[in-house]
């Protein structure tokens, strides 16, 4: 490969990349499928237990049992609706 043809190849790749980025920005969002993710909400009531007892006897066992389910992802407080 000569210097001219390698320069031409680099320019062609660059031009194709720029064109791809420009076209990707103009694709309507309706082209992409709608995604819905399953979500489970777990509610537990332990009456009037103090915070420390609630954490030890209810919250931690529930979290540990949910973590053992394959495919479950932990959501932080900041990512909830």
Protein backbone atom coordinates (compact mmCIF):
# COMPACT_ATOMS: atom_id res chain seq x y z
CA UNK A 1 0.00 0.00 0.00
CA UNK A 2 1.36 3.38 -0.91
CA UNK A 3 1.22 6.48 1.22
CA UNK A 4 -1.51 8.02 -0.95
CA UNK A 5 -3.78 4.99 -0.76
CA UNK A 6 -3.37 4.65 3.03
CA UNK A 7 -4.20 8.34 3.45
CA UNK A 8 -7.25 7.84 1.23
CA UNK A 9 -8.31 4.83 3.33
CA UNK A 10 -7.99 6.81 6.57
CA UNK A 11 -9.99 9.69 5.11
CA UNK A 12 -12.67 7.29 3.85
CA UNK A 13 -13.01 5.72 7.32
CA UNK A 14 -13.16 9.16 8.92
CA UNK A 15 -15.80 10.36 6.43
CA UNK A 16 -17.88 7.22 6.96
CA UNK A 17 -17.66 7.70 10.74
CA UNK A 18 -18.77 11.32 10.54
CA UNK A 19 -21.62 10.38 8.21
CA UNK A 20 -22.66 7.56 10.58
CA UNK A 21 -22.78 9.91 13.57
CA UNK A 22 -24.81 12.46 11.62
CA UNK A 23 -27.28 9.84 10.44
CA UNK A 24 -27.55 8.25 13.91
CA UNK A 25 -28.72 11.57 15.33
CA UNK A 26 -31.52 11.83 12.76
CA UNK A 27 -33.00 8.35 13.33
CA UNK A 28 -36.49 8.73 14.81
CA UNK A 29 -36.97 7.13 18.22
CA UNK A 30 -39.93 5.12 16.88
CA UNK A 31 -37.43 2.87 15.10
CA UNK A 32 -36.30 1.41 18.41
CA UNK A 33 -38.59 -1.04 20.25
CA UNK A 34 -40.20 -0.01 23.51
CA UNK A 35 -38.61 -1.71 26.48
CA UNK A 36 -40.38 -2.47 29.72
CA UNK A 37 -38.54 -4.03 32.60
CA UNK A 38 -40.20 -6.14 35.24
CA UNK A 39 -40.02 -4.65 38.69
CA UNK A 40 -40.88 -6.10 42.07
CA UNK A 41 -41.70 -4.09 45.13
CA UNK A 42 -41.31 -5.84 48.46
CA UNK A 43 -43.15 -4.40 51.44
CA UNK A 44 -42.63 -5.70 54.97
CA UNK A 45 -44.32 -4.62 58.15
CA UNK A 46 -42.92 -5.63 61.50
CA UNK A 47 -45.08 -3.49 63.71
CA UNK A 48 -43.36 -1.14 66.11
CA UNK A 49 -39.83 -2.58 66.09
CA UNK A 50 -36.97 -0.14 66.60
CA UNK A 51 -34.81 0.65 63.57
CA UNK A 52 -31.89 -1.58 64.59
CA UNK A 53 -34.15 -4.60 65.20
CA UNK A 54 -36.04 -3.98 61.95
CA UNK A 55 -32.75 -3.93 60.03
CA UNK A 56 -31.45 -7.12 61.66
CA UNK A 57 -34.62 -9.21 61.74
CA UNK A 58 -36.52 -8.08 58.63
CA UNK A 59 -34.56 -6.00 56.11
CA UNK A 60 -31.32 -7.99 55.88
CA UNK A 61 -33.00 -11.42 55.58
CA UNK A 62 -35.30 -10.07 52.84
CA UNK A 63 -32.34 -8.56 50.93
CA UNK A 64 -30.32 -11.76 51.22
CA UNK A 65 -33.18 -13.89 49.92
CA UNK A 66 -33.80 -11.54 46.97
CA UNK A 67 -30.09 -11.42 46.08
CA UNK A 68 -30.08 -15.22 45.71
CA UNK A 69 -32.58 -15.02 42.81
CA UNK A 70 -30.75 -15.21 39.44
CA UNK A 71 -30.96 -12.05 37.32
CA UNK A 72 -32.00 -9.67 40.11
CA UNK A 73 -30.33 -6.26 40.06
CA UNK A 74 -30.08 -4.02 43.11
CA UNK A 75 -31.55 -0.54 42.75
CA UNK A 76 -30.31 2.28 44.94
CA UNK A 77 -32.59 4.82 46.56
CA UNK A 78 -31.50 7.41 44.00
CA UNK A 79 -32.79 5.29 41.07
CA UNK A 80 -36.31 4.70 42.40
CA UNK A 81 -39.33 6.48 40.89
